[in-house]
């Protein structure tokens, strides 16, 4: 059984562009896709404590079993990530 969730949300209050999040929830994995129309490609980097941004891909890389970047169908970039569901201890 799979459940699909899609939501449009504002990237930030001062940012006029829109982003799209798409989640596929299945028994063995959780797939998350986030796309926006920001120019350029996101880059995995190490943000300093004082940086106001730059941590999203580091979180994705740390938590996902696999992830990548593709061109969004409606323009911009889409980051996808798969998270493996681990059995709950009994």
C-alpha atoms as a PDB file:
ATOM      1  CA  UNK A   1       0.000   0.000   0.000  1.00  0.00           C
ATOM      2  CA  UNK A   2       1.300   3.433  -0.907  1.00  0.00           C
ATOM      3  CA  UNK A   3       0.060   6.810   0.200  1.00  0.00           C
ATOM      4  CA  UNK A   4       0.866   9.959  -1.746  1.00  0.00           C
ATOM      5  CA  UNK A   5       0.966  13.409  -0.225  1.00  0.00           C
ATOM      6  CA  UNK A   6       1.585  16.613  -2.127  1.00  0.00           C
ATOM      7  CA  UNK A   7       1.719  20.124  -0.749  1.00  0.00           C
ATOM      8  CA  UNK A   8       2.600  23.543  -2.084  1.00  0.00           C
ATOM      9  CA  UNK A   9       4.231  25.876   0.384  1.00  0.00           C
ATOM     10  CA  UNK A  10       6.138  29.141   0.477  1.00  0.00           C
ATOM     11  CA  UNK A  11       9.919  28.731   0.604  1.00  0.00           C
ATOM     12  CA  UNK A  12      10.295  31.711   2.909  1.00  0.00           C
ATOM     13  CA  UNK A  13       8.107  34.720   3.690  1.00  0.00           C
ATOM     14  CA  UNK A  14      10.327  37.095   1.688  1.00  0.00           C
ATOM     15  CA  UNK A  15      10.723  34.702  -1.259  1.00  0.00           C
ATOM     16  CA  UNK A  16       8.136  34.953  -4.052  1.00  0.00           C
ATOM     17  CA  UNK A  17       8.847  31.512  -5.561  1.00  0.00           C
ATOM     18  CA  UNK A  18       6.908  28.383  -4.761  1.00  0.00           C
ATOM     19  CA  UNK A  19       8.122  24.909  -3.895  1.00  0.00           C
ATOM     20  CA  UNK A  20       6.485  21.502  -4.115  1.00  0.00           C
ATOM     21  CA  UNK A  21       6.928  18.562  -1.760  1.00  0.00           C
ATOM     22  CA  UNK A  22       5.835  15.056  -2.741  1.00  0.00           C
ATOM     23  CA  UNK A  23       5.979  12.080  -0.369  1.00  0.00           C
ATOM     24  CA  UNK A  24       5.462   8.422  -1.253  1.00  0.00           C
ATOM     25  CA  UNK A  25       4.949   6.353   1.875  1.00  0.00           C
ATOM     26  CA  UNK A  26       5.249   2.579   1.514  1.00  0.00           C
ATOM     27  CA  UNK A  27       5.923  -0.329   3.849  1.00  0.00           C
ATOM     28  CA  UNK A  28       9.687  -0.453   3.228  1.00  0.00           C
ATOM     29  CA  UNK A  29      10.646   3.105   2.364  1.00  0.00           C
ATOM     30  CA  UNK A  30       9.678   6.716   2.417  1.00  0.00           C
ATOM     31  CA  UNK A  31      10.432   8.692  -0.745  1.00  0.00           C
ATOM     32  CA  UNK A  32      10.517  12.468  -0.502  1.00  0.00           C
ATOM     33  CA  UNK A  33      10.819  14.869  -3.436  1.00  0.00           C
ATOM     34  CA  UNK A  34      11.128  18.622  -3.046  1.00  0.00           C
ATOM     35  CA  UNK A  35      11.245  20.916  -6.070  1.00  0.00           C
ATOM     36  CA  UNK A  36      11.496  24.661  -6.473  1.00  0.00           C
ATOM     37  CA  UNK A  37      12.229  27.142  -9.215  1.00  0.00           C
ATOM     38  CA  UNK A  38      15.394  28.554  -7.656  1.00  0.00           C
ATOM     39  CA  UNK A  39      18.122  29.384 -10.171  1.00  0.00           C
ATOM     40  CA  UNK A  40      21.201  27.163 -10.179  1.00  0.00           C
ATOM     41  CA  UNK A  41      21.701  23.795  -8.531  1.00  0.00           C
ATOM     42  CA  UNK A  42      21.831  23.178  -4.798  1.00  0.00           C
ATOM     43  CA  UNK A  43      25.279  22.152  -3.575  1.00  0.00           C
ATOM     44  CA  UNK A  44      26.125  19.873  -0.655  1.00  0.00           C
ATOM     45  CA  UNK A  45      28.346  21.873   1.673  1.00  0.00           C
ATOM     46  CA  UNK A  46      29.205  22.270   5.309  1.00  0.00           C
ATOM     47  CA  UNK A  47      27.483  25.331   6.762  1.00  0.00           C
ATOM     48  CA  UNK A  48      29.121  27.212   9.582  1.00  0.00           C
ATOM     49  CA  UNK A  49      27.280  27.959  12.815  1.00  0.00           C
ATOM     50  CA  UNK A  50      26.658  31.518  11.678  1.00  0.00           C
ATOM     51  CA  UNK A  51      25.374  30.708   8.158  1.00  0.00           C
ATOM     52  CA  UNK A  52      21.684  31.499   7.695  1.00  0.00           C
ATOM     53  CA  UNK A  53      21.231  28.698   5.132  1.00  0.00           C
ATOM     54  CA  UNK A  54      22.960  25.732   3.536  1.00  0.00           C
ATOM     55  CA  UNK A  55      22.011  22.836   5.805  1.00  0.00           C
ATOM     56  CA  UNK A  56      19.197  21.124   3.883  1.00  0.00           C
ATOM     57  CA  UNK A  57      21.301  18.854   1.644  1.00  0.00           C
ATOM     58  CA  UNK A  58      23.573  17.941   4.559  1.00  0.00           C
ATOM     59  CA  UNK A  59      20.498  16.731   6.466  1.00  0.00           C
ATOM     60  CA  UNK A  60      19.280  14.803   3.428  1.00  0.00           C
ATOM     61  CA  UNK A  61      22.694  13.156   2.931  1.00  0.00           C
ATOM     62  CA  UNK A  62      22.892  12.202   6.619  1.00  0.00           C
ATOM     63  CA  UNK A  63      19.401  10.677   6.827  1.00  0.00           C
ATOM     64  CA  UNK A  64      18.728   9.165   3.389  1.00  0.00           C
ATOM     65  CA  UNK A  65      19.813   5.753   2.162  1.00  0.00           C
ATOM     66  CA  UNK A  66      20.145   7.360  -1.280  1.00  0.00           C
ATOM     67  CA  UNK A  67      19.408  10.774  -2.757  1.00  0.00           C
ATOM     68  CA  UNK A  68      19.972  12.837  -5.866  1.00  0.00           C
ATOM     69  CA  UNK A  69      19.115  15.896  -7.895  1.00  0.00           C
ATOM     70  CA  UNK A  70      17.106  16.099 -11.116  1.00  0.00           C
ATOM     71  CA  UNK A  71      15.505  18.787 -13.239  1.00  0.00           C
ATOM     72  CA  UNK A  72      11.961  19.456 -12.061  1.00  0.00           C
ATOM     73  CA  UNK A  73       9.297  18.783 -14.688  1.00  0.00           C
ATOM     74  CA  UNK A  74       7.878  22.304 -14.245  1.00  0.00           C
ATOM     75  CA  UNK A  75      11.268  24.082 -14.168  1.00  0.00           C
ATOM     76  CA  UNK A  76      13.906  24.427 -11.487  1.00  0.00           C
ATOM     77  CA  UNK A  77      15.424  21.600  -9.472  1.00  0.00           C
ATOM     78  CA  UNK A  78      14.084  18.582  -7.635  1.00  0.00           C
ATOM     79  CA  UNK A  79      15.932  16.862  -4.794  1.00  0.00           C
ATOM     80  CA  UNK A  80      14.755  13.316  -4.093  1.00  0.00           C
ATOM     81  CA  UNK A  81      15.603  11.109  -1.139  1.00  0.00           C
ATOM     82  CA  UNK A  82      14.744   7.572  -0.044  1.00  0.00           C
ATOM     83  CA  UNK A  83      14.585   6.729   3.633  1.00  0.00           C
ATOM     84  CA  UNK A  84      14.509   3.055   4.572  1.00  0.00           C
ATOM     85  CA  UNK A  85      11.975   2.050   7.192  1.00  0.00           C
ATOM     86  CA  UNK A  86      13.547  -0.046   9.911  1.00  0.00           C
ATOM     87  CA  UNK A  87      11.446  -2.538  11.880  1.00  0.00           C
ATOM     88  CA  UNK A  88      10.297  -1.306  15.267  1.00  0.00           C
ATOM     89  CA  UNK A  89      11.852  -3.226  18.186  1.00  0.00           C
ATOM     90  CA  UNK A  90       9.397  -5.479  19.966  1.00  0.00           C
END
